[in-house]
Every structure is written in C-alpha cells, then in structure tokens.
Amino acid sequence: MDKAVIIDSNKIVDIISPFNLPAGISEINLGGLSIAPGFIDIQVNGGGGCLFNEEPSVSVICKIYEAHKRFGTTNFLPVLLSNSRDKMMAAVKSVKYCLDKKLHGILGLHLEGPFINRKKAGVHNNKYIRTLNAEELNDLIKAAGSKVLKLLTVAPEFIPPDYLRMLSGAGVLLSAGHSDITYDEAIKCFENGITCVTHLFNAMSQLSGREPGLAGAALQAKNVWAGIIADGFHVHYAAIDIAKRIKGRKLFLTTDAMPPVGKASRNFMLGDYVIQCRDGKCTTETGVIAGSVLDMATAVRNCIYEIGIPIEEALRMASTYPAEFLGMGCELGKIEPGYNANLVIFDDQVEVKGVVVNGKFEFWANS
C-alpha cells in the first residue's frame, strides 16, 4: 500500500495515506519507486578518488561523501588507518569541523589502529603500529569528550583492561579487529568495554574446532555487534549467511571502501603500497586484500541476490542496525515520525534513484 511521508524541515513528522494529504502541502510523487532509511556506513576509507588516510582534510571528507551519497549513504564514519599522532590529530580536527558545521553526513571518526597486532595488520603501515600509552590515551579521551572519536578499532590483547574501561566510560565505542586474540581473551575483553568486532572474519583469529578465536567469540556473544563486508571477496557469501543466522540484528553492513568508489580509477597508493583494483577486488601487488570498491547499495543487493536475505532485512542491515550500534537508533535508521529525514529512493532492482538528506533532495538520478 502506498504511503506519503510528511517532512517538515529535516524531520519526518507523519506517515499517512496519499489520499489524506493536508491542503497546500508540496507533493513529490516518486512514481512507484520505493524508499528506505538512508544508509549508514561506519567504515569508509575513501571514495571519489580520495583517501582520508592520505589527506584527512575537510575537502577530502566532502569528496568522499559526494561519492558515496549517490549509492544511498547519507551518514558515515571516515576511517583513519594506523598513522602518526600528528595525522590522527589532523583527522580529529577535520571531523570536529564537519560535526560543528553539520556537514557531509559525518557522525564521528573511526580510528582503525594504530593499536593493533602486527600479525594481523594487513595493509596497515607497520611503522605506525604501536602500543597505547597514557599520553595517547588522554588524546583519545579528549577526542571522545568533544564527540569526535566515535569508534576505535583495537587489538585488545595489547590494551590494558583499565584502558578499555576508561575509553568506554568516556563514550568511545570499542571494536576488536586486526587481532590474534584467543577465544578466552576475547570473552574477557567483551566484559571490559569491547562491544563490536571490525570486519568479521577478516584480520582476526579464526574459528576452529579447538580454538574458536575472536571470530567464534563474536558469533557466540549475543550482545556483541559485528560489521561485515558483503562484496564476495572479503567473506564467502555462505559465511555471511551463517553469521546472519547466528547474529541476527547484531550483524550490519560496512564497505571498507577505498578511493575508486564513485570514480573510474583502477589503482591508488596506500602508504607504500600500490593497490590494484580488478574485477571489483582491491589487492596489493602480492595479493593482500586492501579494502574494497564496494558501495552500500551493492552490499544490500549482494545480501538479497547472493545470500537470499529478504530485502527488508538487508535494508535494515545497512541502516537500522548500524544506527543502533552507534547509539543513534532514536534519530537515524528508521522511517518514523521524529526521525531525521534521510532517505534512499530505489527501484525494483535496488538501484539508487534518489537520496534525501535532512529533508532535501541531494541526489536524483534523472536530473
């Protein structure tokens, strides 16, 4: 049954029958297209030819946002991979500016590293990987206090439990990733503030019969969230199906997107690595996976057509569930009165045709 979504300023105020529209209201007929809450991506490295890790500036954030918006992403966390303290502070400054000005759909900063395990570093620059000391702990707590640092990915085996509790108490969402932690250690870290795992199955100790590892602990722990990259390269679709059956609404989609998203470029530099993108897969010259060219709309379609997840649930994995993980489930991720008017408009094949951000059309495929 068709419905009319009533928007006033940047909020949804009502959902009614299109036959009961108030007199004088401005009407936009979508001609049979469908709508869903705008997608929320907590792990975006780049897009539009830009990489936040190389240049953590406001202008780069803007270009990344514009690249992902056309694929339905209305809110995101830019990712800074393991880097220098100066680069981390530059990222904090740029994200704070965007938050203060309410620009580019930014919800905060995701620091992925540098406090990770070298054994599971992937394409992170080893020279920046380090242990967390008291000075940088204070930097992080300060960034959390200004609402900038939203998410921190760490290898819990290298973080003292009291540091984890201090960060969690300061409002930082903590995720385990790039970690070789054992199952028993993982269960303990979940008790000390870790509430999520970063890109489930990737760059972590794996599930086996005798040692379930971080992957097994994350699957078993009912209250732990997990992001997953549904491009068919990072994780086999059957493994995503298994994870979905176990985790339910605690599993959400992320892209781990790199600069080629929204731009026809094939290669890019990530630190000292030349990253090659072929047939939808990003790798170093030696074959190590280095992020993705995935966008959220494609991730949703992959869940529907490759895994068989119902469309309504796949859309929730890209919107409702990440909003809830971020603690923003009362304002983002649903089409209900009182929620932000962030919407993605799509056709029967889940191809994005339009995007509404804060009640205004910011992308329309036919224009």
Protein backbone atom coordinates (compact mmCIF):
# COMPACT_ATOMS: atom_id res chain seq x y z
CA MET A 1 0.00 0.00 0.00
CA ASP A 2 1.34 3.41 -0.97
CA LYS A 3 2.15 5.85 1.81
CA ALA A 4 3.04 9.51 1.98
CA VAL A 5 5.96 10.56 4.19
CA ILE A 6 5.43 14.06 5.56
CA ILE A 7 8.65 16.01 6.10
CA ASP A 8 8.96 19.33 7.89
CA SER A 9 12.42 20.89 7.83
CA ASN A 10 14.79 17.97 8.45
CA LYS A 11 12.41 15.65 10.31
CA ILE A 12 9.77 13.10 9.43
CA VAL A 13 6.57 14.28 11.07
CA ASP A 14 3.98 11.78 9.82
CA ILE A 15 3.28 8.82 7.54
CA ILE A 16 -0.21 8.85 6.07
CA SER A 17 -2.30 7.75 3.12
CA PRO A 18 -1.54 9.81 -0.01
CA PHE A 19 -5.28 10.44 -0.23
CA ASN A 20 -5.21 12.32 3.09
CA LEU A 21 -2.54 14.91 2.33
CA PRO A 22 -3.15 18.27 4.03
CA ALA A 23 -4.21 21.10 1.75
CA GLY A 24 -1.40 23.24 0.41
CA ILE A 25 1.36 20.74 1.07
CA SER A 26 4.12 20.41 -1.54
CA GLU A 27 3.99 16.93 -3.06
CA ILE A 28 6.67 14.86 -4.80
CA ASN A 29 5.38 11.71 -6.50
CA LEU A 30 8.05 9.03 -6.76
CA GLY A 31 6.17 7.16 -9.47
CA GLY A 32 6.22 3.73 -7.89
CA LEU A 33 9.78 3.83 -6.57
CA SER A 34 10.48 2.60 -3.04
CA ILE A 35 12.14 4.32 -0.10
CA ALA A 36 14.24 3.17 2.84
CA PRO A 37 16.20 4.90 5.59
CA GLY A 38 19.45 6.40 4.35
CA PHE A 39 22.37 4.01 4.61
CA ILE A 40 24.89 4.39 7.45
CA ASP A 41 28.45 3.19 6.82
CA ILE A 42 30.79 3.09 9.80
CA GLN A 43 33.88 2.15 7.80
CA VAL A 44 34.73 4.39 4.83
CA ASN A 45 38.37 4.79 3.87
CA GLY A 46 37.76 6.77 0.72
CA GLY A 47 35.78 7.49 -2.41
CA GLY A 48 35.71 9.82 -5.38
CA GLY A 49 39.42 9.24 -5.91
CA CYS A 50 40.30 10.42 -2.39
CA LEU A 51 41.73 8.58 0.61
CA PHE A 52 41.15 10.04 4.07
CA ASN A 53 44.24 8.28 5.39
CA GLU A 54 46.47 10.21 2.98
CA GLU A 55 44.79 13.59 3.45
CA PRO A 56 42.49 13.84 6.49
CA SER A 57 41.01 17.18 5.45
CA VAL A 58 37.53 18.67 5.28
CA SER A 59 37.70 18.87 1.49
CA VAL A 60 38.51 15.16 1.24
CA ILE A 61 35.63 14.32 3.58
CA CYS A 62 33.35 16.30 1.26
CA LYS A 63 34.53 14.42 -1.84
CA ILE A 64 34.16 11.05 -0.14
CA TYR A 65 30.64 11.95 0.99
CA GLU A 66 29.61 13.04 -2.50
CA ALA A 67 30.94 9.80 -3.98
CA HIS A 68 29.04 7.57 -1.56
CA LYS A 69 25.85 9.62 -1.43
CA ARG A 70 24.84 8.57 -4.94
CA PHE A 71 24.79 4.98 -3.65
CA GLY A 72 22.44 5.78 -0.78
CA THR A 73 24.87 6.52 2.06
CA THR A 74 23.62 9.55 3.98
CA ASN A 75 25.80 9.18 7.08
CA PHE A 76 29.23 7.69 7.64
CA LEU A 77 32.37 7.49 9.72
CA PRO A 78 35.59 8.27 7.84
CA VAL A 79 38.37 5.86 8.74
CA LEU A 80 41.93 6.73 9.61
CA LEU A 81 44.15 3.66 9.44
CA SER A 82 47.23 3.23 11.62
CA ASN A 83 49.06 6.53 11.37
CA SER A 84 51.19 9.09 13.17
CA ARG A 85 49.93 11.03 16.15
CA ASP A 86 50.04 14.24 14.09
CA LYS A 87 47.89 12.68 11.35
CA MET A 88 45.46 11.42 13.98
CA MET A 89 45.10 14.91 15.44
CA ALA A 90 44.58 16.35 11.93
CA ALA A 91 41.78 13.83 11.39
CA VAL A 92 40.20 14.80 14.72
CA LYS A 93 40.35 18.49 13.75
CA SER A 94 38.72 17.93 10.34
CA VAL A 95 35.96 15.70 11.68
CA LYS A 96 35.26 18.15 14.52
CA TYR A 97 34.84 20.96 11.97
CA CYS A 98 32.33 18.86 10.00
CA LEU A 99 30.42 17.92 13.14
CA ASP A 100 30.29 21.52 14.37
CA LYS A 101 29.03 22.72 10.98
CA LYS A 102 26.81 19.64 10.48
CA LEU A 103 28.47 18.89 7.16
CA HIS A 104 28.71 15.89 4.87
CA GLY A 105 26.74 13.35 6.88
CA ILE A 106 29.57 12.89 9.36
CA LEU A 107 28.71 11.07 12.60
CA GLY A 108 32.23 10.97 14.01
CA LEU A 109 35.66 9.49 13.42
CA HIS A 110 36.63 5.83 13.21
CA LEU A 111 40.25 5.20 14.17
CA GLU A 112 41.19 1.76 12.88
CA GLY A 113 44.51 1.34 14.61
CA PRO A 114 47.27 2.10 15.34
CA PHE A 115 46.91 -0.06 18.46
CA ILE A 116 46.64 -3.37 16.61
CA ASN A 117 48.50 -6.66 16.21
CA ARG A 118 51.24 -6.71 13.56
CA LYS A 119 50.42 -10.36 12.84
CA LYS A 120 47.00 -9.25 11.58
CA ALA A 121 47.96 -5.85 10.19
CA GLY A 122 47.02 -6.47 6.56
CA VAL A 123 47.91 -3.28 4.66
CA HIS A 124 48.32 -1.13 7.76
CA ASN A 125 51.71 0.58 7.84
CA ASN A 126 53.84 -1.33 10.34
CA LYS A 127 55.92 1.70 11.25
CA TYR A 128 52.87 3.34 12.83
CA ILE A 129 51.59 0.33 14.78
CA ARG A 130 52.29 0.83 18.47
CA THR A 131 51.04 0.22 21.99
CA LEU A 132 48.69 2.68 23.63
CA ASN A 133 50.44 4.86 26.19
CA ALA A 134 49.00 7.26 28.76
CA GLU A 135 49.63 10.32 26.59
CA GLU A 136 47.72 8.99 23.60
CA LEU A 137 45.05 7.60 25.90
CA ASN A 138 44.43 11.17 27.04
CA ASP A 139 44.30 12.31 23.39
CA LEU A 140 41.60 9.74 22.69
CA ILE A 141 39.56 10.59 25.77
CA LYS A 142 39.74 14.27 24.85
CA ALA A 143 38.57 13.49 21.31
CA ALA A 144 35.71 11.45 22.75
CA GLY A 145 34.73 14.31 25.05
CA SER A 146 34.32 16.60 22.04
CA LYS A 147 32.11 13.93 20.41
CA VAL A 148 34.62 13.48 17.58
CA LEU A 149 36.01 10.00 18.25
CA LYS A 150 33.06 7.68 17.78
CA LEU A 151 34.71 4.32 17.14
CA LEU A 152 38.13 2.84 17.89
CA THR A 153 39.31 -0.48 16.47
CA VAL A 154 41.98 -2.11 18.63
CA ALA A 155 43.69 -5.43 19.20
CA PRO A 156 42.51 -5.99 22.80
CA GLU A 157 45.48 -8.21 23.62
CA PHE A 158 47.65 -5.07 23.61
CA ILE A 159 45.34 -2.76 25.56
CA PRO A 160 45.24 -2.94 29.38
CA PRO A 161 41.72 -3.71 30.64
CA ASP A 162 41.62 -0.48 32.66
CA TYR A 163 42.38 1.50 29.47
CA LEU A 164 39.49 -0.24 27.72
CA ARG A 165 37.17 0.63 30.57
CA MET A 166 38.36 4.25 30.61
CA LEU A 167 37.77 4.65 26.88
CA SER A 168 34.37 3.01 27.05
CA GLY A 169 33.45 5.17 30.02
CA ALA A 170 34.43 8.26 28.02
CA GLY A 171 31.93 7.32 25.33
CA VAL A 172 34.19 5.66 22.77
CA LEU A 173 32.69 2.65 21.02
CA LEU A 174 35.36 -0.06 21.08
CA SER A 175 35.69 -2.70 18.39
CA ALA A 176 38.11 -5.62 18.26
CA GLY A 177 39.95 -6.00 14.99
CA HIS A 178 43.33 -6.75 13.44
CA SER A 179 43.72 -9.05 16.43
CA ASP A 180 45.12 -12.51 17.14
CA ILE A 181 43.31 -12.78 20.45
CA THR A 182 42.21 -16.16 21.80
CA TYR A 183 38.60 -17.06 22.46
CA ASP A 184 39.03 -16.83 26.24
CA GLU A 185 40.76 -13.46 25.96
CA ALA A 186 38.01 -12.20 23.65
CA ILE A 187 35.27 -13.11 26.09
CA LYS A 188 37.11 -11.18 28.81
CA CYS A 189 37.54 -8.11 26.61
CA PHE A 190 33.80 -8.11 25.90
CA GLU A 191 33.38 -7.68 29.65
CA ASN A 192 35.74 -4.68 29.64
CA GLY A 193 34.11 -2.46 27.06
CA ILE A 194 34.53 -4.08 23.64
CA THR A 195 31.07 -4.14 22.04
CA CYS A 196 31.83 -4.92 18.39
CA VAL A 197 34.22 -6.63 16.00
CA THR A 198 35.55 -4.91 12.89
CA HIS A 199 35.00 -6.62 9.50
CA LEU A 200 34.01 -10.02 10.90
CA PHE A 201 36.24 -12.91 9.69
CA ASN A 202 38.89 -10.55 8.29
CA ALA A 203 42.20 -9.79 10.05
CA MET A 204 41.32 -11.75 13.18
CA SER A 205 41.91 -15.12 14.83
CA GLN A 206 39.60 -17.59 13.12
CA LEU A 207 37.08 -20.15 14.32
CA SER A 208 38.34 -23.72 14.57
CA GLY A 209 37.19 -26.77 16.45
CA ARG A 210 39.69 -26.44 19.28
CA GLU A 211 40.19 -22.66 19.37
CA PRO A 212 37.17 -20.52 18.40
CA GLY A 213 39.26 -17.35 18.28
CA LEU A 214 37.87 -13.84 18.01
CA ALA A 215 35.57 -14.83 15.14
CA GLY A 216 34.00 -17.60 17.20
CA ALA A 217 33.70 -15.43 20.30
CA ALA A 218 31.97 -12.70 18.30
CA LEU A 219 29.49 -15.16 16.83
CA GLN A 220 28.70 -16.65 20.22
CA ALA A 221 28.41 -13.43 22.25
CA LYS A 222 24.78 -12.33 21.98
CA ASN A 223 25.37 -8.68 22.87
CA VAL A 224 28.38 -8.10 20.61
CA TRP A 225 27.88 -6.36 17.27
CA ALA A 226 29.73 -7.22 14.08
CA GLY A 227 30.28 -5.35 10.85
CA ILE A 228 30.75 -7.42 7.71
CA ILE A 229 31.93 -6.66 4.17
CA ALA A 230 29.50 -8.25 1.70
CA ASP A 231 31.47 -8.00 -1.53
CA GLY A 232 32.07 -11.72 -2.01
CA PHE A 233 35.86 -11.27 -1.75
CA HIS A 234 36.41 -10.46 1.92
CA VAL A 235 33.98 -13.10 3.14
CA HIS A 236 32.33 -16.02 1.34
CA TYR A 237 28.61 -15.45 0.95
CA ALA A 238 27.92 -18.73 2.77
CA ALA A 239 29.88 -17.43 5.77
CA ILE A 240 27.81 -14.24 5.74
CA ASP A 241 24.66 -16.35 5.68
CA ILE A 242 25.90 -18.37 8.67
CA ALA A 243 26.84 -15.21 10.56
CA LYS A 244 23.45 -13.66 9.83
CA ARG A 245 21.60 -16.72 11.10
CA ILE A 246 23.60 -16.58 14.35
CA LYS A 247 23.92 -12.82 14.96
CA GLY A 248 20.54 -11.65 13.66
CA ARG A 249 20.13 -7.90 14.12
CA LYS A 250 23.63 -7.62 15.63
CA LEU A 251 25.19 -8.02 12.17
CA PHE A 252 25.37 -4.93 9.97
CA LEU A 253 26.92 -3.99 6.64
CA THR A 254 30.08 -1.96 6.12
CA THR A 255 32.02 -1.29 2.93
CA ASP A 256 35.67 -0.67 3.91
CA ALA A 257 35.51 1.44 0.74
CA MET A 258 38.58 2.82 -0.99
CA PRO A 259 39.12 5.74 -3.45
CA PRO A 260 37.77 4.02 -6.61
CA VAL A 261 34.18 4.11 -5.30
CA GLY A 262 32.40 6.73 -7.38
CA LYS A 263 35.37 7.20 -9.69
CA ALA A 264 36.61 5.16 -12.62
CA SER A 265 40.14 4.82 -11.25
CA ARG A 266 41.78 1.41 -11.02
CA ASN A 267 44.93 1.92 -8.97
CA PHE A 268 45.84 4.06 -5.97
CA MET A 269 48.54 4.40 -3.35
CA LEU A 270 48.03 3.36 0.27
CA GLY A 271 51.18 4.37 2.10
CA ASP A 272 53.97 2.48 0.35
CA TYR A 273 51.60 0.01 -1.29
CA VAL A 274 50.39 0.17 -4.89
CA ILE A 275 46.79 -1.02 -4.71
CA GLN A 276 45.34 -2.60 -7.84
CA CYS A 277 41.59 -2.85 -8.37
CA ARG A 278 40.49 -5.56 -10.80
CA ASP A 279 37.03 -7.05 -11.23
CA GLY A 280 35.79 -5.42 -8.04
CA LYS A 281 38.69 -6.57 -5.85
CA CYS A 282 41.41 -4.36 -4.33
CA THR A 283 44.76 -6.01 -3.60
CA THR A 284 48.43 -5.23 -3.21
CA GLU A 285 50.83 -6.49 -5.87
CA THR A 286 51.31 -9.61 -3.72
CA GLY A 287 47.58 -10.31 -3.46
CA VAL A 288 46.78 -8.97 0.02
CA ILE A 289 43.23 -7.58 0.14
CA ALA A 290 43.26 -3.82 0.67
CA GLY A 291 39.78 -2.51 1.33
CA SER A 292 37.08 -2.63 -1.32
CA VAL A 293 35.33 -0.85 -4.15
CA LEU A 294 32.03 -1.74 -2.51
CA ASP A 295 29.21 0.74 -2.02
CA MET A 296 26.31 0.21 0.38
CA ALA A 297 23.68 -0.27 -2.32
CA THR A 298 25.73 -3.07 -3.86
CA ALA A 299 26.24 -4.62 -0.42
CA VAL A 300 22.47 -4.63 0.07
CA ARG A 301 21.90 -6.18 -3.36
CA ASN A 302 24.51 -8.85 -2.65
CA CYS A 303 22.71 -9.77 0.56
CA ILE A 304 19.44 -10.07 -1.33
CA TYR A 305 20.51 -11.80 -4.53
CA GLU A 306 23.60 -13.77 -3.47
CA ILE A 307 22.58 -14.81 0.04
CA GLY A 308 18.78 -14.71 -0.02
CA ILE A 309 18.27 -12.26 2.82
CA PRO A 310 14.82 -10.61 2.50
CA ILE A 311 15.02 -7.09 1.11
CA GLU A 312 13.54 -5.51 4.25
CA GLU A 313 16.18 -7.15 6.42
CA ALA A 314 19.04 -6.33 4.05
CA LEU A 315 17.99 -2.68 4.16
CA ARG A 316 17.93 -2.77 7.97
CA MET A 317 21.47 -4.16 7.92
CA ALA A 318 22.51 -1.00 6.07
CA SER A 319 20.58 1.50 8.17
CA THR A 320 18.67 0.49 11.30
CA TYR A 321 21.30 -1.78 12.81
CA PRO A 322 24.36 0.45 12.35
CA ALA A 323 22.32 3.33 13.80
CA GLU A 324 21.53 1.23 16.85
CA PHE A 325 25.16 0.19 17.23
CA LEU A 326 26.21 3.84 17.18
CA GLY A 327 23.65 4.67 19.86
CA MET A 328 21.67 6.77 17.40
CA GLY A 329 18.73 4.45 16.91
CA CYS A 330 16.26 7.06 18.15
CA GLU A 331 17.09 9.53 15.37
CA LEU A 332 18.53 7.61 12.43
CA GLY A 333 17.83 4.35 10.62
CA LYS A 334 14.03 4.31 10.50
CA ILE A 335 11.21 5.98 8.62
CA GLU A 336 9.11 7.06 11.56
CA PRO A 337 7.83 10.36 12.98
CA GLY A 338 10.60 12.19 14.81
CA TYR A 339 13.43 10.63 12.83
CA ASN A 340 15.83 12.53 10.61
CA ALA A 341 14.55 12.75 7.05
CA ASN A 342 17.43 10.82 5.48
CA LEU A 343 16.07 8.57 2.75
CA VAL A 344 17.28 6.46 -0.14
CA ILE A 345 14.96 6.06 -3.14
CA PHE A 346 15.37 2.93 -5.27
CA ASP A 347 13.77 0.82 -7.99
CA ASP A 348 12.77 -2.85 -8.08
CA GLN A 349 16.39 -3.90 -8.62
CA VAL A 350 17.53 -1.85 -5.61
CA GLU A 351 19.34 0.61 -7.87
CA VAL A 352 19.52 4.01 -6.19
CA LYS A 353 17.49 6.68 -7.99
CA GLY A 354 17.48 9.42 -5.39
CA VAL A 355 18.72 10.47 -1.97
CA VAL A 356 17.15 12.81 0.57
CA VAL A 357 19.37 14.25 3.30
CA ASN A 358 17.86 16.29 6.13
CA GLY A 359 14.64 16.64 4.17
CA LYS A 360 16.24 17.89 0.94
CA PHE A 361 16.93 16.10 -2.32
CA GLU A 362 20.71 15.87 -2.67
CA PHE A 363 20.82 13.34 -5.49
CA TRP A 364 18.35 12.47 -8.23
CA ALA A 365 19.44 10.05 -10.95
CA ASN A 366 17.12 11.52 -13.59
CA SER A 367 18.28 15.12 -13.19
